[in-house]
Amino acid sequence: NPHSFNGVSVTQGFAQGKISMKAEVKLDYSTLPQYRAACLWYDT
């Protein structure tokens, strides 16, 4: 509240904004059978 402590304010209106966030990590890989190993990388 920006008003002084001596004043009293009236709420004539207000904004209420919900911000949602969604994050997804997709990996991909390939195998190296001859080494019994794999390579991993960020796909998306």
ModelCIF file with pLDDT and N, C-alpha, C, O atoms, coordinates in Angstrom:
data_MODEL
#
_entry.id   MODEL 
#
_entity.id                         1 
_entity.type                       polymer 
_entity.pdbx_number_of_molecules   1 
#
_entity_poly.entity_id                      1 
_entity_poly.type                           'polypeptide(L)' 
_entity_poly.nstd_linkage                   no 
_entity_poly.nstd_monomer                   no 
_entity_poly.pdbx_seq_one_letter_code       NPHSFNGVSVTQGFAQGKISMKAEVKLDYSTLPQYRAACLWYDT 
_entity_poly.pdbx_seq_one_letter_code_can   NPHSFNGVSVTQGFAQGKISMKAEVKLDYSTLPQYRAACLWYDT 
_entity_poly.pdbx_strand_id                 A 
#
loop_
_entity_poly_seq.entity_id 
_entity_poly_seq.num 
_entity_poly_seq.mon_id 
_entity_poly_seq.hetero 
1 1  ASN n 
1 2  PRO n 
1 3  HIS n 
1 4  SER n 
1 5  PHE n 
1 6  ASN n 
1 7  GLY n 
1 8  VAL n 
1 9  SER n 
1 10 VAL n 
1 11 THR n 
1 12 GLN n 
1 13 GLY n 
1 14 PHE n 
1 15 ALA n 
1 16 GLN n 
1 17 GLY n 
1 18 LYS n 
1 19 ILE n 
1 20 SER n 
1 21 MET n 
1 22 LYS n 
1 23 ALA n 
1 24 GLU n 
1 25 VAL n 
1 26 LYS n 
1 27 LEU n 
1 28 ASP n 
1 29 TYR n 
1 30 SER n 
1 31 THR n 
1 32 LEU n 
1 33 PRO n 
1 34 GLN n 
1 35 TYR n 
1 36 ARG n 
1 37 ALA n 
1 38 ALA n 
1 39 CYS n 
1 40 LEU n 
1 41 TRP n 
1 42 TYR n 
1 43 ASP n 
1 44 THR n 
#
_struct_asym.id          A 
_struct_asym.entity_id   1 
#
loop_
_ma_qa_metric.id 
_ma_qa_metric.mode 
_ma_qa_metric.name 
_ma_qa_metric.software_group_id 
_ma_qa_metric.type 
1 global pLDDT . pLDDT 
2 local  pLDDT . pLDDT 
#
_ma_qa_metric_global.metric_id      1 
_ma_qa_metric_global.metric_value   86.80 
_ma_qa_metric_global.model_id       1 
_ma_qa_metric_global.ordinal_id     1 
#
loop_
_ma_qa_metric_local.label_asym_id 
_ma_qa_metric_local.label_comp_id 
_ma_qa_metric_local.label_seq_id 
_ma_qa_metric_local.metric_id 
_ma_qa_metric_local.metric_value 
_ma_qa_metric_local.model_id 
_ma_qa_metric_local.ordinal_id 
A ASN 1  2 67.00 1 1  
A PRO 2  2 67.00 1 2  
A HIS 3  2 57.00 1 3  
A SER 4  2 50.00 1 4  
A PHE 5  2 46.00 1 5  
A ASN 6  2 55.00 1 6  
A GLY 7  2 55.00 1 7  
A VAL 8  2 61.00 1 8  
A SER 9  2 75.00 1 9  
A VAL 10 2 83.00 1 10 
A THR 11 2 87.00 1 11 
A GLN 12 2 92.00 1 12 
A GLY 13 2 93.00 1 13 
A PHE 14 2 93.00 1 14 
A ALA 15 2 93.00 1 15 
A GLN 16 2 91.00 1 16 
A GLY 17 2 87.00 1 17 
A LYS 18 2 91.00 1 18 
A ILE 19 2 95.00 1 19 
A SER 20 2 96.00 1 20 
A MET 21 2 96.00 1 21 
A LYS 22 2 97.00 1 22 
A ALA 23 2 97.00 1 23 
A GLU 24 2 97.00 1 24 
A VAL 25 2 98.00 1 25 
A LYS 26 2 98.00 1 26 
A LEU 27 2 98.00 1 27 
A ASP 28 2 97.00 1 28 
A TYR 29 2 95.00 1 29 
A SER 30 2 95.00 1 30 
A THR 31 2 93.00 1 31 
A LEU 32 2 93.00 1 32 
A PRO 33 2 91.00 1 33 
A GLN 34 2 89.00 1 34 
A TYR 35 2 90.00 1 35 
A ARG 36 2 92.00 1 36 
A ALA 37 2 94.00 1 37 
A ALA 38 2 95.00 1 38 
A CYS 39 2 96.00 1 39 
A LEU 40 2 96.00 1 40 
A TRP 41 2 97.00 1 41 
A TYR 42 2 97.00 1 42 
A ASP 43 2 97.00 1 43 
A THR 44 2 97.00 1 44 
#
loop_
_atom_site.group_PDB 
_atom_site.id 
_atom_site.type_symbol 
_atom_site.label_atom_id 
_atom_site.label_alt_id 
_atom_site.label_comp_id 
_atom_site.label_asym_id 
_atom_site.label_entity_id 
_atom_site.label_seq_id 
_atom_site.pdbx_PDB_ins_code 
_atom_site.Cartn_x 
_atom_site.Cartn_y 
_atom_site.Cartn_z 
_atom_site.occupancy 
_atom_site.B_iso_or_equiv 
_atom_site.pdbx_formal_charge 
_atom_site.auth_seq_id 
_atom_site.auth_comp_id 
_atom_site.auth_asym_id 
_atom_site.auth_atom_id 
_atom_site.pdbx_PDB_model_num 
ATOM 1   N N  . ASN A 1 1  ? 0.847   -1.198  0.000   1.00 67.00 ? 1  ASN A N  1 
ATOM 2   C CA . ASN A 1 1  ? 0.000   0.000   0.000   1.00 67.00 ? 1  ASN A CA 1 
ATOM 3   C C  . ASN A 1 1  ? 0.881   1.247   0.000   1.00 67.00 ? 1  ASN A C  1 
ATOM 4   O O  . ASN A 1 1  ? 1.706   1.415   0.898   1.00 67.00 ? 1  ASN A O  1 
ATOM 5   N N  . PRO A 1 2  ? 0.717   2.133   -1.004  1.00 67.00 ? 2  PRO A N  1 
ATOM 6   C CA . PRO A 1 2  ? 1.580   3.316   -1.090  1.00 67.00 ? 2  PRO A CA 1 
ATOM 7   C C  . PRO A 1 2  ? 1.120   4.482   -0.217  1.00 67.00 ? 2  PRO A C  1 
ATOM 8   O O  . PRO A 1 2  ? 1.819   5.489   -0.109  1.00 67.00 ? 2  PRO A O  1 
ATOM 9   N N  . HIS A 1 3  ? -0.050  4.350   0.403   1.00 57.00 ? 3  HIS A N  1 
ATOM 10  C CA . HIS A 1 3  ? -0.591  5.471   1.169   1.00 57.00 ? 3  HIS A CA 1 
ATOM 11  C C  . HIS A 1 3  ? 0.073   5.577   2.535   1.00 57.00 ? 3  HIS A C  1 
ATOM 12  O O  . HIS A 1 3  ? 0.679   4.621   3.018   1.00 57.00 ? 3  HIS A O  1 
ATOM 13  N N  . SER A 1 4  ? -0.045  6.729   3.142   1.00 50.00 ? 4  SER A N  1 
ATOM 14  C CA . SER A 1 4  ? 0.527   6.946   4.471   1.00 50.00 ? 4  SER A CA 1 
ATOM 15  C C  . SER A 1 4  ? -0.237  6.114   5.494   1.00 50.00 ? 4  SER A C  1 
ATOM 16  O O  . SER A 1 4  ? -1.333  5.622   5.226   1.00 50.00 ? 4  SER A O  1 
ATOM 17  N N  . PHE A 1 5  ? 0.361   5.967   6.666   1.00 46.00 ? 5  PHE A N  1 
ATOM 18  C CA . PHE A 1 5  ? -0.268  5.164   7.716   1.00 46.00 ? 5  PHE A CA 1 
ATOM 19  C C  . PHE A 1 5  ? -1.504  5.849   8.290   1.00 46.00 ? 5  PHE A C  1 
ATOM 20  O O  . PHE A 1 5  ? -2.340  5.196   8.914   1.00 46.00 ? 5  PHE A O  1 
ATOM 21  N N  . ASN A 1 6  ? -1.624  7.164   8.081   1.00 55.00 ? 6  ASN A N  1 
ATOM 22  C CA . ASN A 1 6  ? -2.773  7.887   8.613   1.00 55.00 ? 6  ASN A CA 1 
ATOM 23  C C  . ASN A 1 6  ? -4.015  7.747   7.739   1.00 55.00 ? 6  ASN A C  1 
ATOM 24  O O  . ASN A 1 6  ? -5.136  7.974   8.195   1.00 55.00 ? 6  ASN A O  1 
ATOM 25  N N  . GLY A 1 7  ? -3.805  7.370   6.481   1.00 55.00 ? 7  GLY A N  1 
ATOM 26  C CA . GLY A 1 7  ? -4.927  7.281   5.553   1.00 55.00 ? 7  GLY A CA 1 
ATOM 27  C C  . GLY A 1 7  ? -5.466  5.869   5.439   1.00 55.00 ? 7  GLY A C  1 
ATOM 28  O O  . GLY A 1 7  ? -4.784  4.893   5.751   1.00 55.00 ? 7  GLY A O  1 
ATOM 29  N N  . VAL A 1 8  ? -6.690  5.786   4.992   1.00 61.00 ? 8  VAL A N  1 
ATOM 30  C CA . VAL A 1 8  ? -7.312  4.488   4.745   1.00 61.00 ? 8  VAL A CA 1 
ATOM 31  C C  . VAL A 1 8  ? -7.780  4.471   3.302   1.00 61.00 ? 8  VAL A C  1 
ATOM 32  O O  . VAL A 1 8  ? -8.436  5.409   2.849   1.00 61.00 ? 8  VAL A O  1 
ATOM 33  N N  . SER A 1 9  ? -7.450  3.418   2.582   1.00 75.00 ? 9  SER A N  1 
ATOM 34  C CA . SER A 1 9  ? -7.793  3.365   1.161   1.00 75.00 ? 9  SER A CA 1 
ATOM 35  C C  . SER A 1 9  ? -8.936  2.405   0.901   1.00 75.00 ? 9  SER A C  1 
ATOM 36  O O  . SER A 1 9  ? -9.206  1.493   1.683   1.00 75.00 ? 9  SER A O  1 
ATOM 37  N N  . VAL A 1 10 ? -9.591  2.632   -0.205  1.00 83.00 ? 10 VAL A N  1 
ATOM 38  C CA . VAL A 1 10 ? -10.666 1.767   -0.647  1.00 83.00 ? 10 VAL A CA 1 
ATOM 39  C C  . VAL A 1 10 ? -10.210 1.018   -1.896  1.00 83.00 ? 10 VAL A C  1 
ATOM 40  O O  . VAL A 1 10 ? -9.647  1.613   -2.814  1.00 83.00 ? 10 VAL A O  1 
ATOM 41  N N  . THR A 1 11 ? -10.452 -0.264  -1.921  1.00 87.00 ? 11 THR A N  1 
ATOM 42  C CA . THR A 1 11 ? -10.142 -1.065  -3.105  1.00 87.00 ? 11 THR A CA 1 
ATOM 43  C C  . THR A 1 11 ? -11.334 -0.985  -4.055  1.00 87.00 ? 11 THR A C  1 
ATOM 44  O O  . THR A 1 11 ? -12.379 -1.582  -3.797  1.00 87.00 ? 11 THR A O  1 
ATOM 45  N N  . GLN A 1 12 ? -11.175 -0.252  -5.147  1.00 92.00 ? 12 GLN A N  1 
ATOM 46  C CA . GLN A 1 12 ? -12.242 -0.129  -6.130  1.00 92.00 ? 12 GLN A CA 1 
ATOM 47  C C  . GLN A 1 12 ? -12.142 -1.239  -7.186  1.00 92.00 ? 12 GLN A C  1 
ATOM 48  O O  . GLN A 1 12 ? -13.117 -1.562  -7.864  1.00 92.00 ? 12 GLN A O  1 
ATOM 49  N N  . GLY A 1 13 ? -10.962 -1.798  -7.301  1.00 93.00 ? 13 GLY A N  1 
ATOM 50  C CA . GLY A 1 13 ? -10.753 -2.883  -8.251  1.00 93.00 ? 13 GLY A CA 1 
ATOM 51  C C  . GLY A 1 13 ? -9.379  -3.475  -8.029  1.00 93.00 ? 13 GLY A C  1 
ATOM 52  O O  . GLY A 1 13 ? -8.525  -2.851  -7.399  1.00 93.00 ? 13 GLY A O  1 
ATOM 53  N N  . PHE A 1 14 ? -9.157  -4.672  -8.539  1.00 93.00 ? 14 PHE A N  1 
ATOM 54  C CA . PHE A 1 14 ? -7.833  -5.269  -8.453  1.00 93.00 ? 14 PHE A CA 1 
ATOM 55  C C  . PHE A 1 14 ? -7.678  -6.311  -9.554  1.00 93.00 ? 14 PHE A C  1 
ATOM 56  O O  . PHE A 1 14 ? -8.655  -6.867  -10.056 1.00 93.00 ? 14 PHE A O  1 
ATOM 57  N N  . ALA A 1 15 ? -6.441  -6.554  -9.909  1.00 93.00 ? 15 ALA A N  1 
ATOM 58  C CA . ALA A 1 15 ? -6.124  -7.557  -10.923 1.00 93.00 ? 15 ALA A CA 1 
ATOM 59  C C  . ALA A 1 15 ? -5.535  -8.783  -10.251 1.00 93.00 ? 15 ALA A C  1 
ATOM 60  O O  . ALA A 1 15 ? -4.720  -8.682  -9.333  1.00 93.00 ? 15 ALA A O  1 
ATOM 61  N N  . GLN A 1 16 ? -5.954  -9.918  -10.716 1.00 91.00 ? 16 GLN A N  1 
ATOM 62  C CA . GLN A 1 16 ? -5.468  -11.186 -10.171 1.00 91.00 ? 16 GLN A CA 1 
ATOM 63  C C  . GLN A 1 16 ? -5.002  -12.036 -11.346 1.00 91.00 ? 16 GLN A C  1 
ATOM 64  O O  . GLN A 1 16 ? -5.813  -12.539 -12.123 1.00 91.00 ? 16 GLN A O  1 
ATOM 65  N N  . GLY A 1 17 ? -3.701  -12.187 -11.465 1.00 87.00 ? 17 GLY A N  1 
ATOM 66  C CA . GLY A 1 17 ? -3.165  -12.926 -12.606 1.00 87.00 ? 17 GLY A CA 1 
ATOM 67  C C  . GLY A 1 17 ? -2.365  -14.120 -12.174 1.00 87.00 ? 17 GLY A C  1 
ATOM 68  O O  . GLY A 1 17 ? -1.292  -13.971 -11.590 1.00 87.00 ? 17 GLY A O  1 
ATOM 69  N N  . LYS A 1 18 ? -2.862  -15.294 -12.447 1.00 91.00 ? 18 LYS A N  1 
ATOM 70  C CA . LYS A 1 18 ? -2.128  -16.518 -12.130 1.00 91.00 ? 18 LYS A CA 1 
ATOM 71  C C  . LYS A 1 18 ? -1.207  -16.849 -13.300 1.00 91.00 ? 18 LYS A C  1 
ATOM 72  O O  . LYS A 1 18 ? -1.650  -16.953 -14.444 1.00 91.00 ? 18 LYS A O  1 
ATOM 73  N N  . ILE A 1 19 ? 0.079   -17.013 -13.000 1.00 95.00 ? 19 ILE A N  1 
ATOM 74  C CA . ILE A 1 19 ? 1.048   -17.391 -14.031 1.00 95.00 ? 19 ILE A CA 1 
ATOM 75  C C  . ILE A 1 19 ? 1.498   -18.823 -13.773 1.00 95.00 ? 19 ILE A C  1 
ATOM 76  O O  . ILE A 1 19 ? 2.141   -19.112 -12.763 1.00 95.00 ? 19 ILE A O  1 
ATOM 77  N N  . SER A 1 20 ? 1.157   -19.701 -14.682 1.00 96.00 ? 20 SER A N  1 
ATOM 78  C CA . SER A 1 20 ? 1.564   -21.103 -14.546 1.00 96.00 ? 20 SER A CA 1 
ATOM 79  C C  . SER A 1 20 ? 2.741   -21.375 -15.471 1.00 96.00 ? 20 SER A C  1 
ATOM 80  O O  . SER A 1 20 ? 2.827   -20.833 -16.573 1.00 96.00 ? 20 SER A O  1 
ATOM 81  N N  . MET A 1 21 ? 3.635   -22.215 -15.002 1.00 96.00 ? 21 MET A N  1 
ATOM 82  C CA . MET A 1 21 ? 4.805   -22.596 -15.795 1.00 96.00 ? 21 MET A CA 1 
ATOM 83  C C  . MET A 1 21 ? 4.857   -24.112 -15.924 1.00 96.00 ? 21 MET A C  1 
ATOM 84  O O  . MET A 1 21 ? 4.624   -24.843 -14.961 1.00 96.00 ? 21 MET A O  1 
ATOM 85  N N  . LYS A 1 22 ? 5.163   -24.561 -17.112 1.00 97.00 ? 22 LYS A N  1 
ATOM 86  C CA . LYS A 1 22 ? 5.318   -25.995 -17.358 1.00 97.00 ? 22 LYS A CA 1 
ATOM 87  C C  . LYS A 1 22 ? 6.615   -26.213 -18.115 1.00 97.00 ? 22 LYS A C  1 
ATOM 88  O O  . LYS A 1 22 ? 6.867   -25.564 -19.131 1.00 97.00 ? 22 LYS A O  1 
ATOM 89  N N  . ALA A 1 23 ? 7.431   -27.120 -17.622 1.00 97.00 ? 23 ALA A N  1 
ATOM 90  C CA . ALA A 1 23 ? 8.713   -27.405 -18.267 1.00 97.00 ? 23 ALA A CA 1 
ATOM 91  C C  . ALA A 1 23 ? 8.818   -28.905 -18.550 1.00 97.00 ? 23 ALA A C  1 
ATOM 92  O O  . ALA A 1 23 ? 8.429   -29.735 -17.728 1.00 97.00 ? 23 ALA A O  1 
ATOM 93  N N  . GLU A 1 24 ? 9.343   -29.228 -19.714 1.00 97.00 ? 24 GLU A N  1 
ATOM 94  C CA . GLU A 1 24 ? 9.493   -30.627 -20.113 1.00 97.00 ? 24 GLU A CA 1 
ATOM 95  C C  . GLU A 1 24 ? 10.848  -30.816 -20.796 1.00 97.00 ? 24 GLU A C  1 
ATOM 96  O O  . GLU A 1 24 ? 11.240  -30.034 -21.663 1.00 97.00 ? 24 GLU A O  1 
ATOM 97  N N  . VAL A 1 25 ? 11.541  -31.856 -20.390 1.00 98.00 ? 25 VAL A N  1 
ATOM 98  C CA . VAL A 1 25 ? 12.849  -32.177 -20.967 1.00 98.00 ? 25 VAL A CA 1 
ATOM 99  C C  . VAL A 1 25 ? 12.759  -33.556 -21.619 1.00 98.00 ? 25 VAL A C  1 
ATOM 100 O O  . VAL A 1 25 ? 12.431  -34.545 -20.963 1.00 98.00 ? 25 VAL A O  1 
ATOM 101 N N  . LYS A 1 26 ? 13.050  -33.605 -22.894 1.00 98.00 ? 26 LYS A N  1 
ATOM 102 C CA . LYS A 1 26 ? 13.031  -34.871 -23.618 1.00 98.00 ? 26 LYS A CA 1 
ATOM 103 C C  . LYS A 1 26 ? 14.443  -35.214 -24.067 1.00 98.00 ? 26 LYS A C  1 
ATOM 104 O O  . LYS A 1 26 ? 15.097  -34.433 -24.758 1.00 98.00 ? 26 LYS A O  1 
ATOM 105 N N  . LEU A 1 27 ? 14.903  -36.391 -23.667 1.00 98.00 ? 27 LEU A N  1 
ATOM 106 C CA . LEU A 1 27 ? 16.214  -36.874 -24.069 1.00 98.00 ? 27 LEU A CA 1 
ATOM 107 C C  . LEU A 1 27 ? 16.082  -37.927 -25.156 1.00 98.00 ? 27 LEU A C  1 
ATOM 108 O O  . LEU A 1 27 ? 15.035  -38.558 -25.303 1.00 98.00 ? 27 LEU A O  1 
ATOM 109 N N  . ASP A 1 28 ? 17.132  -38.106 -25.899 1.00 97.00 ? 28 ASP A N  1 
ATOM 110 C CA . ASP A 1 28 ? 17.205  -39.208 -26.859 1.00 97.00 ? 28 ASP A CA 1 
ATOM 111 C C  . ASP A 1 28 ? 18.551  -39.892 -26.669 1.00 97.00 ? 28 ASP A C  1 
ATOM 112 O O  . ASP A 1 28 ? 19.427  -39.375 -25.976 1.00 97.00 ? 28 ASP A O  1 
ATOM 113 N N  . TYR A 1 29 ? 18.707  -41.048 -27.284 1.00 95.00 ? 29 TYR A N  1 
ATOM 114 C CA . TYR A 1 29 ? 19.946  -41.784 -27.080 1.00 95.00 ? 29 TYR A CA 1 
ATOM 115 C C  . TYR A 1 29 ? 20.206  -42.736 -28.245 1.00 95.00 ? 29 TYR A C  1 
ATOM 116 O O  . TYR A 1 29 ? 19.322  -43.037 -29.047 1.00 95.00 ? 29 TYR A O  1 
ATOM 117 N N  . SER A 1 30 ? 21.411  -43.180 -28.300 1.00 95.00 ? 30 SER A N  1 
ATOM 118 C CA . SER A 1 30 ? 21.787  -44.248 -29.219 1.00 95.00 ? 30 SER A CA 1 
ATOM 119 C C  . SER A 1 30 ? 22.695  -45.198 -28.460 1.00 95.00 ? 30 SER A C  1 
ATOM 120 O O  . SER A 1 30 ? 23.369  -44.800 -27.510 1.00 95.00 ? 30 SER A O  1 
ATOM 121 N N  . THR A 1 31 ? 22.713  -46.434 -28.874 1.00 93.00 ? 31 THR A N  1 
ATOM 122 C CA . THR A 1 31 ? 23.538  -47.430 -28.186 1.00 93.00 ? 31 THR A CA 1 
ATOM 123 C C  . THR A 1 31 ? 24.755  -47.804 -29.033 1.00 93.00 ? 31 THR A C  1 
ATOM 124 O O  . THR A 1 31 ? 24.751  -47.705 -30.260 1.00 93.00 ? 31 THR A O  1 
ATOM 125 N N  . LEU A 1 32 ? 25.770  -48.229 -28.336 1.00 93.00 ? 32 LEU A N  1 
ATOM 126 C CA . LEU A 1 32 ? 27.002  -48.718 -28.962 1.00 93.00 ? 32 LEU A CA 1 
ATOM 127 C C  . LEU A 1 32 ? 27.197  -50.157 -28.503 1.00 93.00 ? 32 LEU A C  1 
ATOM 128 O O  . LEU A 1 32 ? 27.939  -50.414 -27.556 1.00 93.00 ? 32 LEU A O  1 
ATOM 129 N N  . PRO A 1 33 ? 26.531  -51.098 -29.175 1.00 91.00 ? 33 PRO A N  1 
ATOM 130 C CA . PRO A 1 33 ? 26.538  -52.497 -28.717 1.00 91.00 ? 33 PRO A CA 1 
ATOM 131 C C  . PRO A 1 33 ? 27.932  -53.073 -28.551 1.00 91.00 ? 33 PRO A C  1 
ATOM 132 O O  . PRO A 1 33 ? 28.188  -53.841 -27.624 1.00 91.00 ? 33 PRO A O  1 
ATOM 133 N N  . GLN A 1 34 ? 28.834  -52.701 -29.453 1.00 89.00 ? 34 GLN A N  1 
ATOM 134 C CA . GLN A 1 34 ? 30.172  -53.278 -29.379 1.00 89.00 ? 34 GLN A CA 1 
ATOM 135 C C  . GLN A 1 34 ? 30.917  -52.848 -28.123 1.00 89.00 ? 34 GLN A C  1 
ATOM 136 O O  . GLN A 1 34 ? 31.852  -53.517 -27.685 1.00 89.00 ? 34 GLN A O  1 
ATOM 137 N N  . TYR A 1 35 ? 30.488  -51.709 -27.541 1.00 90.00 ? 35 TYR A N  1 
ATOM 138 C CA . TYR A 1 35 ? 31.116  -51.236 -26.311 1.00 90.00 ? 35 TYR A CA 1 
ATOM 139 C C  . TYR A 1 35 ? 30.193  -51.393 -25.099 1.00 90.00 ? 35 TYR A C  1 
ATOM 140 O O  . TYR A 1 35 ? 30.568  -51.077 -23.970 1.00 90.00 ? 35 TYR A O  1 
ATOM 141 N N  . ARG A 1 36 ? 28.988  -51.884 -25.356 1.00 92.00 ? 36 ARG A N  1 
ATOM 142 C CA . ARG A 1 36 ? 27.980  -51.965 -24.294 1.00 92.00 ? 36 ARG A CA 1 
ATOM 143 C C  . ARG A 1 36 ? 27.839  -50.603 -23.609 1.00 92.00 ? 36 ARG A C  1 
ATOM 144 O O  . ARG A 1 36 ? 27.898  -50.476 -22.386 1.00 92.00 ? 36 ARG A O  1 
ATOM 145 N N  . ALA A 1 37 ? 27.650  -49.600 -24.457 1.00 94.00 ? 37 ALA A N  1 
ATOM 146 C CA . ALA A 1 37 ? 27.578  -48.218 -23.974 1.00 94.00 ? 37 ALA A CA 1 
ATOM 147 C C  . ALA A 1 37 ? 26.483  -47.477 -24.723 1.00 94.00 ? 37 ALA A C  1 
ATOM 148 O O  . ALA A 1 37 ? 25.841  -48.008 -25.629 1.00 94.00 ? 37 ALA A O  1 
ATOM 149 N N  . ALA A 1 38 ? 26.293  -46.219 -24.305 1.00 95.00 ? 38 ALA A N  1 
ATOM 150 C CA . ALA A 1 38 ? 25.249  -45.401 -24.920 1.00 95.00 ? 38 ALA A CA 1 
ATOM 151 C C  . ALA A 1 38 ? 25.683  -43.942 -24.981 1.00 95.00 ? 38 ALA A C  1 
ATOM 152 O O  . ALA A 1 38 ? 26.561  -43.496 -24.242 1.00 95.00 ? 38 ALA A O  1 
ATOM 153 N N  . CYS A 1 39 ? 25.049  -43.231 -25.870 1.00 96.00 ? 39 CYS A N  1 
ATOM 154 C CA . CYS A 1 39 ? 25.211  -41.782 -25.979 1.00 96.00 ? 39 CYS A CA 1 
ATOM 155 C C  . CYS A 1 39 ? 23.857  -41.148 -25.650 1.00 96.00 ? 39 CYS A C  1 
ATOM 156 O O  . CYS A 1 39 ? 22.821  -41.595 -26.143 1.00 96.00 ? 39 CYS A O  1 
ATOM 157 N N  . LEU A 1 40 ? 23.871  -40.117 -24.824 1.00 96.00 ? 40 LEU A N  1 
ATOM 158 C CA . LEU A 1 40 ? 22.644  -39.421 -24.423 1.00 96.00 ? 40 LEU A CA 1 
ATOM 159 C C  . LEU A 1 40 ? 22.730  -37.963 -24.859 1.00 96.00 ? 40 LEU A C  1 
ATOM 160 O O  . LEU A 1 40 ? 23.798  -37.353 -24.810 1.00 96.00 ? 40 LEU A O  1 
ATOM 161 N N  . TRP A 1 41 ? 21.603  -37.414 -25.281 1.00 97.00 ? 41 TRP A N  1 
ATOM 162 C CA . TRP A 1 41 ? 21.600  -35.993 -25.633 1.00 97.00 ? 41 TRP A CA 1 
ATOM 163 C C  . TRP A 1 41 ? 20.216  -35.383 -25.408 1.00 97.00 ? 41 TRP A C  1 
ATOM 164 O O  . TRP A 1 41 ? 19.198  -36.072 -25.339 1.00 97.00 ? 41 TRP A O  1 
ATOM 165 N N  . TYR A 1 42 ? 20.235  -34.064 -25.297 1.00 97.00 ? 42 TYR A N  1 
ATOM 166 C CA . TYR A 1 42 ? 18.979  -33.332 -25.162 1.00 97.00 ? 42 TYR A CA 1 
ATOM 167 C C  . TYR A 1 42 ? 18.322  -33.235 -26.534 1.00 97.00 ? 42 TYR A C  1 
ATOM 168 O O  . TYR A 1 42 ? 18.888  -32.661 -27.464 1.00 97.00 ? 42 TYR A O  1 
ATOM 169 N N  . ASP A 1 43 ? 17.140  -33.795 -26.648 1.00 97.00 ? 43 ASP A N  1 
ATOM 170 C CA . ASP A 1 43 ? 16.400  -33.700 -27.903 1.00 97.00 ? 43 ASP A CA 1 
ATOM 171 C C  . ASP A 1 43 ? 15.573  -32.412 -27.935 1.00 97.00 ? 43 ASP A C  1 
ATOM 172 O O  . ASP A 1 43 ? 15.691  -31.607 -28.860 1.00 97.00 ? 43 ASP A O  1 
ATOM 173 N N  . THR A 1 44 ? 14.730  -32.231 -26.906 1.00 97.00 ? 44 THR A N  1 
ATOM 174 C CA . THR A 1 44 ? 13.853  -31.065 -26.857 1.00 97.00 ? 44 THR A CA 1 
ATOM 175 C C  . THR A 1 44 ? 13.713  -30.577 -25.423 1.00 97.00 ? 44 THR A C  1 
ATOM 176 O O  . THR A 1 44 ? 13.011  -29.598 -25.170 1.00 97.00 ? 44 THR A O  1 
#
